[in-house]
């Protein structure tokens, strides 16, 4: 298990900082783990799972269109 900082989250998801926090507030993006002080990081596996879910949703919508 690996923890990643916001910059890496943004690189992996292609989301901006405000979008990451907006989706977290909406409950559709993984929440970070609080480290020492106010520092936070995300569990990389949870972020990757979110990305895979988005790919799956895309593929399901493409299948519905072609049926």
PDB file of N, CA and C in Angstrom:
ATOM      1  N   UNK A   1       0.855  -1.170   0.000  1.00  0.00           N
ATOM      2  CA  UNK A   1       0.000   0.000   0.000  1.00  0.00           C
ATOM      3  C   UNK A   1       0.903   1.235   0.000  1.00  0.00           C
ATOM      4  N   UNK A   2       0.501   2.181  -0.814  1.00  0.00           N
ATOM      5  CA  UNK A   2       1.295   3.394  -0.959  1.00  0.00           C
ATOM      6  C   UNK A   2       0.393   4.614  -0.825  1.00  0.00           C
ATOM      7  N   UNK A   3       0.878   5.633  -0.128  1.00  0.00           N
ATOM      8  CA  UNK A   3       0.162   6.893  -0.012  1.00  0.00           C
ATOM      9  C   UNK A   3       0.757   7.885  -1.010  1.00  0.00           C
ATOM     10  N   UNK A   4      -0.127   8.642  -1.676  1.00  0.00           N
ATOM     11  CA  UNK A   4       0.338   9.609  -2.656  1.00  0.00           C
ATOM     12  C   UNK A   4      -0.214  10.995  -2.324  1.00  0.00           C
ATOM     13  N   UNK A   5       0.554  12.003  -2.649  1.00  0.00           N
ATOM     14  CA  UNK A   5       0.172  13.387  -2.390  1.00  0.00           C
ATOM     15  C   UNK A   5      -0.742  13.897  -3.502  1.00  0.00           C
ATOM     16  N   UNK A   6      -1.316  15.063  -3.280  1.00  0.00           N
ATOM     17  CA  UNK A   6      -2.290  15.640  -4.199  1.00  0.00           C
ATOM     18  C   UNK A   6      -1.734  15.785  -5.617  1.00  0.00           C
ATOM     19  N   UNK A   7      -0.495  16.190  -5.750  1.00  0.00           N
ATOM     20  CA  UNK A   7       0.095  16.354  -7.083  1.00  0.00           C
ATOM     21  C   UNK A   7       0.034  15.055  -7.866  1.00  0.00           C
ATOM     22  N   UNK A   8       0.352  13.949  -7.224  1.00  0.00           N
ATOM     23  CA  UNK A   8       0.307  12.644  -7.885  1.00  0.00           C
ATOM     24  C   UNK A   8      -1.134  12.235  -8.186  1.00  0.00           C
ATOM     25  N   UNK A   9      -2.055  12.539  -7.274  1.00  0.00           N
ATOM     26  CA  UNK A   9      -3.483  12.262  -7.515  1.00  0.00           C
ATOM     27  C   UNK A   9      -3.919  13.004  -8.774  1.00  0.00           C
ATOM     28  N   UNK A  10      -3.541  14.257  -8.878  1.00  0.00           N
ATOM     29  CA  UNK A  10      -3.908  15.063 -10.043  1.00  0.00           C
ATOM     30  C   UNK A  10      -3.278  14.499 -11.320  1.00  0.00           C
ATOM     31  N   UNK A  11      -2.048  14.053 -11.241  1.00  0.00           N
ATOM     32  CA  UNK A  11      -1.391  13.451 -12.412  1.00  0.00           C
ATOM     33  C   UNK A  11      -2.088  12.166 -12.853  1.00  0.00           C
ATOM     34  N   UNK A  12      -2.437  11.325 -11.896  1.00  0.00           N
ATOM     35  CA  UNK A  12      -3.056  10.043 -12.232  1.00  0.00           C
ATOM     36  C   UNK A  12      -4.478  10.195 -12.757  1.00  0.00           C
ATOM     37  N   UNK A  13      -5.221  11.182 -12.257  1.00  0.00           N
ATOM     38  CA  UNK A  13      -6.632  11.309 -12.615  1.00  0.00           C
ATOM     39  C   UNK A  13      -6.896  12.351 -13.691  1.00  0.00           C
ATOM     40  N   UNK A  14      -5.936  13.220 -13.947  1.00  0.00           N
ATOM     41  CA  UNK A  14      -6.100  14.362 -14.860  1.00  0.00           C
ATOM     42  C   UNK A  14      -7.142  15.353 -14.337  1.00  0.00           C
ATOM     43  N   UNK A  15      -7.381  15.336 -13.034  1.00  0.00           N
ATOM     44  CA  UNK A  15      -8.284  16.287 -12.395  1.00  0.00           C
ATOM     45  C   UNK A  15      -7.471  17.432 -11.808  1.00  0.00           C
ATOM     46  N   UNK A  16      -8.084  18.583 -11.726  1.00  0.00           N
ATOM     47  CA  UNK A  16      -7.466  19.705 -11.041  1.00  0.00           C
ATOM     48  C   UNK A  16      -7.721  19.618  -9.547  1.00  0.00           C
ATOM     49  N   UNK A  17      -7.017  20.435  -8.809  1.00  0.00           N
ATOM     50  CA  UNK A  17      -7.137  20.455  -7.350  1.00  0.00           C
ATOM     51  C   UNK A  17      -8.589  20.680  -6.911  1.00  0.00           C
ATOM     52  N   UNK A  18      -9.242  21.675  -7.486  1.00  0.00           N
ATOM     53  CA  UNK A  18     -10.613  21.988  -7.056  1.00  0.00           C
ATOM     54  C   UNK A  18     -11.574  20.853  -7.396  1.00  0.00           C
ATOM     55  N   UNK A  19     -11.357  20.164  -8.507  1.00  0.00           N
ATOM     56  CA  UNK A  19     -12.227  19.040  -8.873  1.00  0.00           C
ATOM     57  C   UNK A  19     -12.064  17.883  -7.901  1.00  0.00           C
ATOM     58  N   UNK A  20     -10.831  17.608  -7.489  1.00  0.00           N
ATOM     59  CA  UNK A  20     -10.586  16.539  -6.520  1.00  0.00           C
ATOM     60  C   UNK A  20     -11.383  16.823  -5.246  1.00  0.00           C
ATOM     61  N   UNK A  21     -11.267  18.037  -4.725  1.00  0.00           N
ATOM     62  CA  UNK A  21     -11.958  18.378  -3.483  1.00  0.00           C
ATOM     63  C   UNK A  21     -13.470  18.449  -3.676  1.00  0.00           C
ATOM     64  N   UNK A  22     -13.928  18.895  -4.838  1.00  0.00           N
ATOM     65  CA  UNK A  22     -15.368  18.926  -5.127  1.00  0.00           C
ATOM     66  C   UNK A  22     -15.931  17.504  -5.132  1.00  0.00           C
ATOM     67  N   UNK A  23     -15.259  16.582  -5.829  1.00  0.00           N
ATOM     68  CA  UNK A  23     -15.740  15.199  -5.889  1.00  0.00           C
ATOM     69  C   UNK A  23     -15.682  14.524  -4.525  1.00  0.00           C
ATOM     70  N   UNK A  24     -14.683  14.863  -3.720  1.00  0.00           N
ATOM     71  CA  UNK A  24     -14.628  14.328  -2.357  1.00  0.00           C
ATOM     72  C   UNK A  24     -15.830  14.812  -1.558  1.00  0.00           C
ATOM     73  N   UNK A  25     -16.143  16.103  -1.670  1.00  0.00           N
ATOM     74  CA  UNK A  25     -17.273  16.674  -0.938  1.00  0.00           C
ATOM     75  C   UNK A  25     -18.583  16.015  -1.366  1.00  0.00           C
ATOM     76  N   UNK A  26     -18.685  15.672  -2.654  1.00  0.00           N
ATOM     77  CA  UNK A  26     -19.884  15.011  -3.177  1.00  0.00           C
ATOM     78  C   UNK A  26     -19.918  13.517  -2.819  1.00  0.00           C
ATOM     79  N   UNK A  27     -18.827  13.012  -2.263  1.00  0.00           N
ATOM     80  CA  UNK A  27     -18.764  11.613  -1.860  1.00  0.00           C
ATOM     81  C   UNK A  27     -18.487  10.640  -2.993  1.00  0.00           C
ATOM     82  N   UNK A  28     -17.951  11.147  -4.113  1.00  0.00           N
ATOM     83  CA  UNK A  28     -17.693  10.270  -5.258  1.00  0.00           C
ATOM     84  C   UNK A  28     -16.204  10.070  -5.532  1.00  0.00           C
ATOM     85  N   UNK A  29     -15.365  10.569  -4.657  1.00  0.00           N
ATOM     86  CA  UNK A  29     -13.909  10.405  -4.796  1.00  0.00           C
ATOM     87  C   UNK A  29     -13.339  10.019  -3.444  1.00  0.00           C
ATOM     88  N   UNK A  30     -12.294   9.180  -3.433  1.00  0.00           N
ATOM     89  CA  UNK A  30     -11.720   8.742  -2.156  1.00  0.00           C
ATOM     90  C   UNK A  30     -11.264   9.912  -1.281  1.00  0.00           C
ATOM     91  N   UNK A  31     -11.463   9.755   0.003  1.00  0.00           N
ATOM     92  CA  UNK A  31     -11.018  10.761   0.960  1.00  0.00           C
ATOM     93  C   UNK A  31      -9.558  10.492   1.332  1.00  0.00           C
ATOM     94  N   UNK A  32      -8.825  11.544   1.657  1.00  0.00           N
ATOM     95  CA  UNK A  32      -7.418  11.362   2.022  1.00  0.00           C
ATOM     96  C   UNK A  32      -7.251  10.869   3.455  1.00  0.00           C
ATOM     97  N   UNK A  33      -6.057  10.422   3.735  1.00  0.00           N
ATOM     98  CA  UNK A  33      -5.647  10.010   5.072  1.00  0.00           C
ATOM     99  C   UNK A  33      -4.859  11.174   5.665  1.00  0.00           C
ATOM    100  N   UNK A  34      -5.213  11.590   6.870  1.00  0.00           N
ATOM    101  CA  UNK A  34      -4.475  12.665   7.520  1.00  0.00           C
ATOM    102  C   UNK A  34      -3.168  12.105   8.072  1.00  0.00           C
ATOM    103  N   UNK A  35      -2.106  12.784   7.723  1.00  0.00           N
ATOM    104  CA  UNK A  35      -0.791  12.395   8.228  1.00  0.00           C
ATOM    105  C   UNK A  35      -0.434  13.328   9.380  1.00  0.00           C
ATOM    106  N   UNK A  36       0.808  13.527   9.647  1.00  0.00           N
ATOM    107  CA  UNK A  36       1.245  14.401  10.733  1.00  0.00           C
ATOM    108  C   UNK A  36       0.821  15.842  10.434  1.00  0.00           C
ATOM    109  N   UNK A  37       0.243  16.488  11.422  1.00  0.00           N
ATOM    110  CA  UNK A  37      -0.216  17.867  11.241  1.00  0.00           C
ATOM    111  C   UNK A  37      -1.415  17.928  10.316  1.00  0.00           C
ATOM    112  N   UNK A  38      -1.353  18.819   9.346  1.00  0.00           N
ATOM    113  CA  UNK A  38      -2.457  18.982   8.389  1.00  0.00           C
ATOM    114  C   UNK A  38      -2.167  18.294   7.062  1.00  0.00           C
ATOM    115  N   UNK A  39      -1.038  17.633   6.959  1.00  0.00           N
ATOM    116  CA  UNK A  39      -0.651  16.968   5.722  1.00  0.00           C
ATOM    117  C   UNK A  39      -1.579  15.787   5.433  1.00  0.00           C
ATOM    118  N   UNK A  40      -2.002  15.661   4.179  1.00  0.00           N
ATOM    119  CA  UNK A  40      -2.870  14.557   3.785  1.00  0.00           C
ATOM    120  C   UNK A  40      -2.281  13.836   2.576  1.00  0.00           C
ATOM    121  N   UNK A  41      -2.697  12.594   2.415  1.00  0.00           N
ATOM    122  CA  UNK A  41      -2.294  11.799   1.263  1.00  0.00           C
ATOM    123  C   UNK A  41      -3.409  10.803   0.978  1.00  0.00           C
ATOM    124  N   UNK A  42      -3.455  10.326  -0.250  1.00  0.00           N
ATOM    125  CA  UNK A  42      -4.484   9.376  -0.672  1.00  0.00           C
ATOM    126  C   UNK A  42      -3.891   7.994  -0.809  1.00  0.00           C
ATOM    127  N   UNK A  43      -4.703   6.986  -0.549  1.00  0.00           N
ATOM    128  CA  UNK A  43      -4.287   5.606  -0.763  1.00  0.00           C
ATOM    129  C   UNK A  43      -4.297   5.386  -2.280  1.00  0.00           C
ATOM    130  N   UNK A  44      -3.158   5.068  -2.837  1.00  0.00           N
ATOM    131  CA  UNK A  44      -3.027   4.960  -4.291  1.00  0.00           C
ATOM    132  C   UNK A  44      -4.009   3.950  -4.878  1.00  0.00           C
ATOM    133  N   UNK A  45      -4.197   2.831  -4.211  1.00  0.00           N
ATOM    134  CA  UNK A  45      -5.109   1.806  -4.699  1.00  0.00           C
ATOM    135  C   UNK A  45      -6.543   2.302  -4.803  1.00  0.00           C
ATOM    136  N   UNK A  46      -6.963   3.149  -3.867  1.00  0.00           N
ATOM    137  CA  UNK A  46      -8.322   3.705  -3.901  1.00  0.00           C
ATOM    138  C   UNK A  46      -8.479   4.665  -5.079  1.00  0.00           C
ATOM    139  N   UNK A  47      -7.453   5.451  -5.347  1.00  0.00           N
ATOM    140  CA  UNK A  47      -7.491   6.374  -6.482  1.00  0.00           C
ATOM    141  C   UNK A  47      -7.533   5.576  -7.790  1.00  0.00           C
ATOM    142  N   UNK A  48      -6.716   4.526  -7.879  1.00  0.00           N
ATOM    143  CA  UNK A  48      -6.710   3.699  -9.082  1.00  0.00           C
ATOM    144  C   UNK A  48      -8.049   2.990  -9.274  1.00  0.00           C
ATOM    145  N   UNK A  49      -8.662   2.555  -8.187  1.00  0.00           N
ATOM    146  CA  UNK A  49      -9.978   1.919  -8.276  1.00  0.00           C
ATOM    147  C   UNK A  49     -11.011   2.916  -8.795  1.00  0.00           C
ATOM    148  N   UNK A  50     -10.934   4.170  -8.363  1.00  0.00           N
ATOM    149  CA  UNK A  50     -11.835   5.213  -8.856  1.00  0.00           C
ATOM    150  C   UNK A  50     -11.657   5.375 -10.374  1.00  0.00           C
ATOM    151  N   UNK A  51     -10.401   5.368 -10.830  1.00  0.00           N
ATOM    152  CA  UNK A  51     -10.125   5.485 -12.265  1.00  0.00           C
ATOM    153  C   UNK A  51     -10.718   4.290 -13.006  1.00  0.00           C
ATOM    154  N   UNK A  52     -10.513   3.079 -12.496  1.00  0.00           N
ATOM    155  CA  UNK A  52     -11.062   1.875 -13.141  1.00  0.00           C
ATOM    156  C   UNK A  52     -12.586   1.925 -13.189  1.00  0.00           C
ATOM    157  N   UNK A  53     -13.214   2.454 -12.137  1.00  0.00           N
ATOM    158  CA  UNK A  53     -14.679   2.602 -12.129  1.00  0.00           C
ATOM    159  C   UNK A  53     -15.133   3.552 -13.238  1.00  0.00           C
ATOM    160  N   UNK A  54     -14.394   4.638 -13.440  1.00  0.00           N
ATOM    161  CA  UNK A  54     -14.733   5.579 -14.509  1.00  0.00           C
ATOM    162  C   UNK A  54     -14.609   4.909 -15.877  1.00  0.00           C
ATOM    163  N   UNK A  55     -13.586   4.097 -16.064  1.00  0.00           N
ATOM    164  CA  UNK A  55     -13.408   3.376 -17.327  1.00  0.00           C
ATOM    165  C   UNK A  55     -14.561   2.404 -17.529  1.00  0.00           C
ATOM    166  N   UNK A  56     -14.939   1.703 -16.470  1.00  0.00           N
ATOM    167  CA  UNK A  56     -16.049   0.747 -16.544  1.00  0.00           C
ATOM    168  C   UNK A  56     -17.358   1.454 -16.891  1.00  0.00           C
ATOM    169  N   UNK A  57     -17.605   2.614 -16.266  1.00  0.00           N
ATOM    170  CA  UNK A  57     -18.812   3.379 -16.573  1.00  0.00           C
ATOM    171  C   UNK A  57     -18.820   3.801 -18.040  1.00  0.00           C
ATOM    172  N   UNK A  58     -17.670   4.214 -18.537  1.00  0.00           N
ATOM    173  CA  UNK A  58     -17.567   4.596 -19.943  1.00  0.00           C
ATOM    174  C   UNK A  58     -17.893   3.430 -20.848  1.00  0.00           C
ATOM    175  N   UNK A  59     -17.306   2.270 -20.545  1.00  0.00           N
ATOM    176  CA  UNK A  59     -17.519   1.086 -21.371  1.00  0.00           C
ATOM    177  C   UNK A  59     -18.974   0.637 -21.335  1.00  0.00           C
ATOM    178  N   UNK A  60     -19.603   0.728 -20.178  1.00  0.00           N
ATOM    179  CA  UNK A  60     -21.021   0.354 -20.060  1.00  0.00           C
ATOM    180  C   UNK A  60     -21.898   1.298 -20.867  1.00  0.00           C
ATOM    181  N   UNK A  61     -21.574   2.591 -20.864  1.00  0.00           N
ATOM    182  CA  UNK A  61     -22.391   3.543 -21.624  1.00  0.00           C
ATOM    183  C   UNK A  61     -22.203   3.333 -23.121  1.00  0.00           C
ATOM    184  N   UNK A  62     -21.018   2.943 -23.549  1.00  0.00           N
ATOM    185  CA  UNK A  62     -20.764   2.674 -24.964  1.00  0.00           C
ATOM    186  C   UNK A  62     -21.566   1.440 -25.380  1.00  0.00           C
ATOM    187  N   UNK A  63     -21.619   0.427 -24.531  1.00  0.00           N
ATOM    188  CA  UNK A  63     -22.389  -0.778 -24.849  1.00  0.00           C
ATOM    189  C   UNK A  63     -23.871  -0.460 -24.980  1.00  0.00           C
ATOM    190  N   UNK A  64     -24.410   0.401 -24.117  1.00  0.00           N
ATOM    191  CA  UNK A  64     -25.816   0.761 -24.162  1.00  0.00           C
ATOM    192  C   UNK A  64     -26.144   1.508 -25.457  1.00  0.00           C
ATOM    193  N   UNK A  65     -25.235   2.325 -25.916  1.00  0.00           N
ATOM    194  CA  UNK A  65     -25.450   3.109 -27.145  1.00  0.00           C
ATOM    195  C   UNK A  65     -25.453   2.187 -28.364  1.00  0.00           C
ATOM    196  N   UNK A  66     -24.600   1.170 -28.343  1.00  0.00           N
ATOM    197  CA  UNK A  66     -24.481   0.292 -29.518  1.00  0.00           C
ATOM    198  C   UNK A  66     -25.512  -0.813 -29.545  1.00  0.00           C
ATOM    199  N   UNK A  67     -26.256  -1.003 -28.455  1.00  0.00           N
ATOM    200  CA  UNK A  67     -27.271  -2.072 -28.436  1.00  0.00           C
ATOM    201  C   UNK A  67     -28.537  -1.655 -29.137  1.00  0.00           C
TER     202      UNK A  67
END
